[in-house]
C-alpha atoms as a PDB file:
ATOM      1  CA  MET A   1      81.278 -55.990  44.627  1.00  0.00           C
ATOM      2  CA  PRO A   2      82.984 -52.722  45.523  1.00  0.00           C
ATOM      3  CA  ARG A   3      85.952 -53.952  43.549  1.00  0.00           C
ATOM      4  CA  ILE A   4      83.844 -54.444  40.404  1.00  0.00           C
ATOM      5  CA  VAL A   5      82.300 -50.983  40.797  1.00  0.00           C
ATOM      6  CA  LEU A   6      85.767 -49.477  41.154  1.00  0.00           C
ATOM      7  CA  ILE A   7      87.014 -51.300  38.028  1.00  0.00           C
ATOM      8  CA  LEU A   8      83.917 -50.217  36.062  1.00  0.00           C
ATOM      9  CA  ALA A   9      84.363 -46.599  37.221  1.00  0.00           C
ATOM     10  CA  CYS A  10      88.022 -46.640  36.094  1.00  0.00           C
ATOM     11  CA  ALA A  11      87.041 -48.168  32.764  1.00  0.00           C
ATOM     12  CA  LEU A  12      84.392 -45.483  32.245  1.00  0.00           C
ATOM     13  CA  LEU A  13      86.845 -42.711  33.071  1.00  0.00           C
ATOM     14  CA  CYS A  14      89.399 -44.107  30.621  1.00  0.00           C
ATOM     15  CA  SER A  15      86.873 -44.260  27.803  1.00  0.00           C
ATOM     16  CA  CYS A  16      86.142 -40.477  27.872  1.00  0.00           C
ATOM     17  CA  GLU A  17      87.642 -38.787  24.857  1.00  0.00           C
ATOM     18  CA  ARG A  18      88.021 -35.093  24.193  1.00  0.00           C
ATOM     19  CA  TYR A  19      86.918 -34.169  20.686  1.00  0.00           C
ATOM     20  CA  PRO A  20      88.664 -31.348  18.776  1.00  0.00           C
ATOM     21  CA  GLU A  21      86.974 -27.970  18.669  1.00  0.00           C
ATOM     22  CA  SER A  22      84.488 -27.586  15.857  1.00  0.00           C
ATOM     23  CA  TYR A  23      84.407 -24.648  13.448  1.00  0.00           C
ATOM     24  CA  PRO A  24      81.622 -23.519  11.138  1.00  0.00           C
ATOM     25  CA  PRO A  25      82.169 -24.036   7.400  1.00  0.00           C
ATOM     26  CA  PRO A  26      83.643 -21.036   5.557  1.00  0.00           C
ATOM     27  CA  GLU A  27      81.266 -18.431   4.166  1.00  0.00           C
ATOM     28  CA  GLN A  28      80.116 -19.331   0.679  1.00  0.00           C
ATOM     29  CA  ARG A  29      80.393 -16.571  -1.926  1.00  0.00           C
ATOM     30  CA  HIS A  30      78.602 -16.630  -5.233  1.00  0.00           C
ATOM     31  CA  PRO A  31      80.131 -14.983  -8.316  1.00  0.00           C
ATOM     32  CA  VAL A  32      78.671 -11.721  -9.559  1.00  0.00           C
ATOM     33  CA  GLU A  33      75.689 -12.524 -11.726  1.00  0.00           C
ATOM     34  CA  GLY A  34      76.451 -12.170 -15.416  1.00  0.00           C
ATOM     35  CA  ALA A  35      80.206 -11.913 -14.912  1.00  0.00           C
ATOM     36  CA  ASN A  36      82.562 -14.141 -16.810  1.00  0.00           C
ATOM     37  CA  PRO A  37      85.603 -14.543 -14.518  1.00  0.00           C
ATOM     38  CA  VAL A  38      87.771 -16.590 -16.885  1.00  0.00           C
ATOM     39  CA  PRO A  39      89.668 -15.903 -18.986  1.00  0.00           C
ATOM     40  CA  PHE A  40      90.600 -12.483 -17.617  1.00  0.00           C
ATOM     41  CA  SER A  41      90.366  -9.857 -20.315  1.00  0.00           C
ATOM     42  CA  MET A  42      91.302  -6.204 -20.326  1.00  0.00           C
ATOM     43  CA  MET A  43      89.072  -5.632 -23.366  1.00  0.00           C
ATOM     44  CA  VAL A  44      85.430  -4.563 -22.985  1.00  0.00           C
ATOM     45  CA  GLU A  45      83.419  -6.192 -25.778  1.00  0.00           C
ATOM     46  CA  MET A  46      79.995  -4.630 -26.296  1.00  0.00           C
ATOM     47  CA  SER A  47      78.635  -8.125 -27.031  1.00  0.00           C
ATOM     48  CA  SER A  48      79.802  -9.440 -23.643  1.00  0.00           C
ATOM     49  CA  PRO A  49      77.155 -10.062 -20.946  1.00  0.00           C
ATOM     50  CA  ASP A  50      79.355  -8.276 -18.388  1.00  0.00           C
ATOM     51  CA  ALA A  51      79.996  -5.140 -20.501  1.00  0.00           C
ATOM     52  CA  ASP A  52      77.582  -3.087 -18.379  1.00  0.00           C
ATOM     53  CA  LEU A  53      79.786  -3.701 -15.308  1.00  0.00           C
ATOM     54  CA  HIS A  54      82.586  -1.722 -17.007  1.00  0.00           C
ATOM     55  CA  ILE A  55      80.603   1.177 -18.476  1.00  0.00           C
ATOM     56  CA  VAL A  56      81.045   4.531 -16.751  1.00  0.00           C
ATOM     57  CA  LYS A  57      79.144   6.814 -19.159  1.00  0.00           C
ATOM     58  CA  ASP A  58      77.968   7.660 -22.676  1.00  0.00           C
ATOM     59  CA  ILE A  59      77.457   4.121 -23.969  1.00  0.00           C
ATOM     60  CA  GLY A  60      73.930   3.095 -24.906  1.00  0.00           C
ATOM     61  CA  GLU A  61      72.136   0.084 -23.518  1.00  0.00           C
ATOM     62  CA  GLY A  62      72.522  -3.202 -25.327  1.00  0.00           C
ATOM     63  CA  SER A  63      70.528  -6.377 -25.483  1.00  0.00           C
ATOM     64  CA  ALA A  64      71.549 -10.010 -25.751  1.00  0.00           C
ATOM     65  CA  GLY A  65      73.531 -10.687 -28.882  1.00  0.00           C
ATOM     66  CA  ASP A  66      74.241  -7.035 -29.753  1.00  0.00           C
ATOM     67  CA  TYR A  67      77.632  -6.764 -31.392  1.00  0.00           C
ATOM     68  CA  TRP A  68      77.892  -2.983 -31.006  1.00  0.00           C
ATOM     69  CA  ARG A  69      76.382  -0.002 -29.165  1.00  0.00           C
ATOM     70  CA  TRP A  70      75.818   3.653 -29.911  1.00  0.00           C
ATOM     71  CA  THR A  71      77.904   6.138 -27.935  1.00  0.00           C
ATOM     72  CA  GLY A  72      77.459   9.701 -26.767  1.00  0.00           C
ATOM     73  CA  GLN A  73      80.112  12.442 -26.643  1.00  0.00           C
ATOM     74  CA  GLN A  74      82.706  10.638 -24.497  1.00  0.00           C
ATOM     75  CA  PRO A  75      82.126   6.900 -24.010  1.00  0.00           C
ATOM     76  CA  THR A  76      84.066   5.797 -20.938  1.00  0.00           C
ATOM     77  CA  VAL A  77      84.783   2.381 -19.429  1.00  0.00           C
ATOM     78  CA  LYS A  78      86.719   1.192 -16.384  1.00  0.00           C
ATOM     79  CA  ILE A  79      89.215  -1.651 -16.687  1.00  0.00           C
ATOM     80  CA  LEU A  80      91.557  -3.307 -14.202  1.00  0.00           C
ATOM     81  CA  ALA A  81      94.989  -3.651 -15.811  1.00  0.00           C
ATOM     82  CA  ILE A  82      96.799  -6.853 -14.855  1.00  0.00           C
ATOM     83  CA  THR A  83     100.118  -5.233 -15.754  1.00  0.00           C
ATOM     84  CA  SER A  84     101.291  -1.742 -16.627  1.00  0.00           C
ATOM     85  CA  ASP A  85     104.050  -2.800 -19.025  1.00  0.00           C
ATOM     86  CA  LYS A  86     103.755  -3.198 -22.784  1.00  0.00           C
ATOM     87  CA  LEU A  87     100.017  -2.526 -23.000  1.00  0.00           C
ATOM     88  CA  LYS A  88      98.291  -0.931 -25.972  1.00  0.00           C
ATOM     89  CA  LEU A  89      94.987   0.889 -25.981  1.00  0.00           C
ATOM     90  CA  ALA A  90      92.816  -0.624 -28.707  1.00  0.00           C
ATOM     91  CA  CYS A  91      89.412   0.414 -29.974  1.00  0.00           C
ATOM     92  CA  ASP A  92      87.229  -1.006 -32.744  1.00  0.00           C
ATOM     93  CA  PHE A  93      84.413   1.273 -33.841  1.00  0.00           C
ATOM     94  CA  ALA A  94      82.535   2.576 -36.873  1.00  0.00           C
ATOM     95  CA  LEU A  95      81.530   5.964 -38.175  1.00  0.00           C
ATOM     96  CA  TRP A  96      78.006   5.771 -39.603  1.00  0.00           C
ATOM     97  CA  ASP A  97      77.883   7.048 -43.181  1.00  0.00           C
ATOM     98  CA  THR A  98      74.546   8.875 -42.776  1.00  0.00           C
ATOM     99  CA  ALA A  99      75.856  10.729 -39.710  1.00  0.00           C
ATOM    100  CA  PHE A 100      79.159  11.386 -41.441  1.00  0.00           C
ATOM    101  CA  ASP A 101      77.351  13.059 -44.355  1.00  0.00           C
ATOM    102  CA  LEU A 102      76.015  15.642 -41.873  1.00  0.00           C
ATOM    103  CA  THR A 103      79.011  16.058 -39.532  1.00  0.00           C
ATOM    104  CA  GLY A 104      81.847  15.727 -42.026  1.00  0.00           C
ATOM    105  CA  PRO A 105      85.296  14.693 -40.791  1.00  0.00           C
ATOM    106  CA  VAL A 106      85.536  14.114 -37.031  1.00  0.00           C
ATOM    107  CA  GLU A 107      88.323  14.038 -34.478  1.00  0.00           C
ATOM    108  CA  ILE A 108      88.372  11.392 -31.783  1.00  0.00           C
ATOM    109  CA  SER A 109      90.603  11.836 -28.734  1.00  0.00           C
ATOM    110  CA  PHE A 110      91.680   8.623 -27.007  1.00  0.00           C
ATOM    111  CA  LEU A 111      92.321   9.019 -23.269  1.00  0.00           C
ATOM    112  CA  VAL A 112      93.671   6.785 -20.506  1.00  0.00           C
ATOM    113  CA  ASN A 113      93.095   8.006 -16.932  1.00  0.00           C
ATOM    114  CA  ASP A 114      92.435  11.514 -18.337  1.00  0.00           C
ATOM    115  CA  HIS A 115      95.796  11.540 -20.171  1.00  0.00           C
ATOM    116  CA  LEU A 116      95.465  12.282 -23.895  1.00  0.00           C
ATOM    117  CA  LEU A 117      97.051   9.332 -25.714  1.00  0.00           C
ATOM    118  CA  GLU A 118      96.300  10.573 -29.227  1.00  0.00           C
ATOM    119  CA  LYS A 119      93.849  12.668 -31.226  1.00  0.00           C
ATOM    120  CA  VAL A 120      92.974  11.204 -34.632  1.00  0.00           C
ATOM    121  CA  ARG A 121      91.115  12.909 -37.493  1.00  0.00           C
ATOM    122  CA  TYR A 122      88.874  10.597 -39.530  1.00  0.00           C
ATOM    123  CA  THR A 123      87.958  11.775 -43.016  1.00  0.00           C
ATOM    124  CA  SER A 124      85.788   8.858 -44.129  1.00  0.00           C
ATOM    125  CA  PRO A 125      82.972   6.755 -42.665  1.00  0.00           C
ATOM    126  CA  GLY A 126      83.159   3.004 -42.049  1.00  0.00           C
ATOM    127  CA  ASN A 127      84.884   0.531 -39.746  1.00  0.00           C
ATOM    128  CA  LYS A 128      87.916   1.860 -37.873  1.00  0.00           C
ATOM    129  CA  HIS A 129      90.631   0.443 -35.629  1.00  0.00           C
ATOM    130  CA  PHE A 130      92.818   2.406 -33.219  1.00  0.00           C
ATOM    131  CA  GLU A 131      95.820   0.946 -31.417  1.00  0.00           C
ATOM    132  CA  LYS A 132      98.685   2.674 -29.616  1.00  0.00           C
ATOM    133  CA  PRO A 133     101.064   1.797 -26.727  1.00  0.00           C
ATOM    134  CA  VAL A 134     100.183   3.266 -23.326  1.00  0.00           C
ATOM    135  CA  PRO A 135     103.030   4.703 -21.231  1.00  0.00           C
ATOM    136  CA  PRO A 136     103.472   2.389 -18.185  1.00  0.00           C
ATOM    137  CA  GLY A 137     103.348   5.305 -15.730  1.00  0.00           C
ATOM    138  CA  TRP A 138      99.735   6.030 -16.717  1.00  0.00           C
ATOM    139  CA  LEU A 139      98.442   2.701 -15.382  1.00  0.00           C
ATOM    140  CA  ARG A 140      98.160   1.049 -11.987  1.00  0.00           C
ATOM    141  CA  THR A 141      97.332  -2.560 -11.265  1.00  0.00           C
ATOM    142  CA  ASP A 142      95.649  -1.998  -7.896  1.00  0.00           C
ATOM    143  CA  VAL A 143      92.801   0.248  -9.126  1.00  0.00           C
ATOM    144  CA  GLU A 144      90.695   0.326 -12.270  1.00  0.00           C
ATOM    145  CA  SER A 145      91.777   2.629 -15.078  1.00  0.00           C
ATOM    146  CA  THR A 146      89.351   4.755 -17.066  1.00  0.00           C
ATOM    147  CA  VAL A 147      89.513   4.600 -20.838  1.00  0.00           C
ATOM    148  CA  SER A 148      87.560   6.923 -23.104  1.00  0.00           C
ATOM    149  CA  ALA A 149      87.234   8.077 -26.697  1.00  0.00           C
ATOM    150  CA  SER A 150      85.857  11.591 -27.104  1.00  0.00           C
ATOM    151  CA  ILE A 151      84.357  12.658 -30.445  1.00  0.00           C
ATOM    152  CA  ASP A 152      84.293  16.341 -31.385  1.00  0.00           C
ATOM    153  CA  LYS A 153      81.006  16.404 -33.359  1.00  0.00           C
ATOM    154  CA  LEU A 154      77.771  14.585 -32.590  1.00  0.00           C
ATOM    155  CA  TYR A 155      75.076  13.514 -35.030  1.00  0.00           C
ATOM    156  CA  THR A 156      71.630  14.827 -34.084  1.00  0.00           C
ATOM    157  CA  ALA A 157      68.702  12.679 -35.209  1.00  0.00           C
ATOM    158  CA  PRO A 158      66.140  14.862 -37.039  1.00  0.00           C
ATOM    159  CA  GLN A 159      63.131  12.882 -35.716  1.00  0.00           C
ATOM    160  CA  ASP A 160      63.676  13.229 -31.973  1.00  0.00           C
ATOM    161  CA  GLY A 161      66.803  15.353 -31.484  1.00  0.00           C
ATOM    162  CA  LYS A 162      68.804  12.546 -29.835  1.00  0.00           C
ATOM    163  CA  GLN A 163      72.557  12.854 -30.250  1.00  0.00           C
ATOM    164  CA  PHE A 164      74.946  10.083 -31.215  1.00  0.00           C
ATOM    165  CA  GLY A 165      78.732   9.821 -31.392  1.00  0.00           C
ATOM    166  CA  PHE A 166      79.910   6.636 -33.082  1.00  0.00           C
ATOM    167  CA  ILE A 167      79.284   2.894 -33.073  1.00  0.00           C
ATOM    168  CA  LEU A 168      81.458   1.120 -30.486  1.00  0.00           C
ATOM    169  CA  VAL A 169      82.387  -2.557 -30.841  1.00  0.00           C
ATOM    170  CA  ARG A 170      85.164  -2.911 -28.245  1.00  0.00           C
ATOM    171  CA  ILE A 171      87.658  -0.869 -26.281  1.00  0.00           C
ATOM    172  CA  GLY A 172      90.418  -1.777 -23.820  1.00  0.00           C
ATOM    173  CA  PHE A 173      93.989  -2.943 -23.408  1.00  0.00           C
ATOM    174  CA  LEU A 174      95.931  -5.493 -25.438  1.00  0.00           C
ATOM    175  CA  GLN A 175      99.253  -7.077 -24.495  1.00  0.00           C
END
């Protein structure tokens, strides 16, 4: 009998197994609500659901499906550049004919990180497009760049005194 107990004890000791250490599952992260992570764009479209994440100042609120937004004196957005080479600043906007009748010709200064890229004088209302290469030294890829378009004259609404710059459709970098 003691022999059987000894054999059973040895068998029990041999059957013990050491399991590997356990680790908790990795932390789960949810994407920012409203953001559209793919494809990556360096252009801020006013119709995009994540446009508000890029706006710094002087761009009016939009609602779902709005193609454009009113601006103030110096609409500014922040954009992360994926490269600093061969980028162009592009802006699609409109000058409202009723406002233009009161303000006359306007000058819009286009700036990247507070560097004046170009100042353009517009002598007629309507849809406009601006596009010009940005010097590579003005941009960094590790921090967001600020892009703005500053208008020299604002339209003042006669009913309530609110001031408006121009109608912004999109602004940002193109490759």
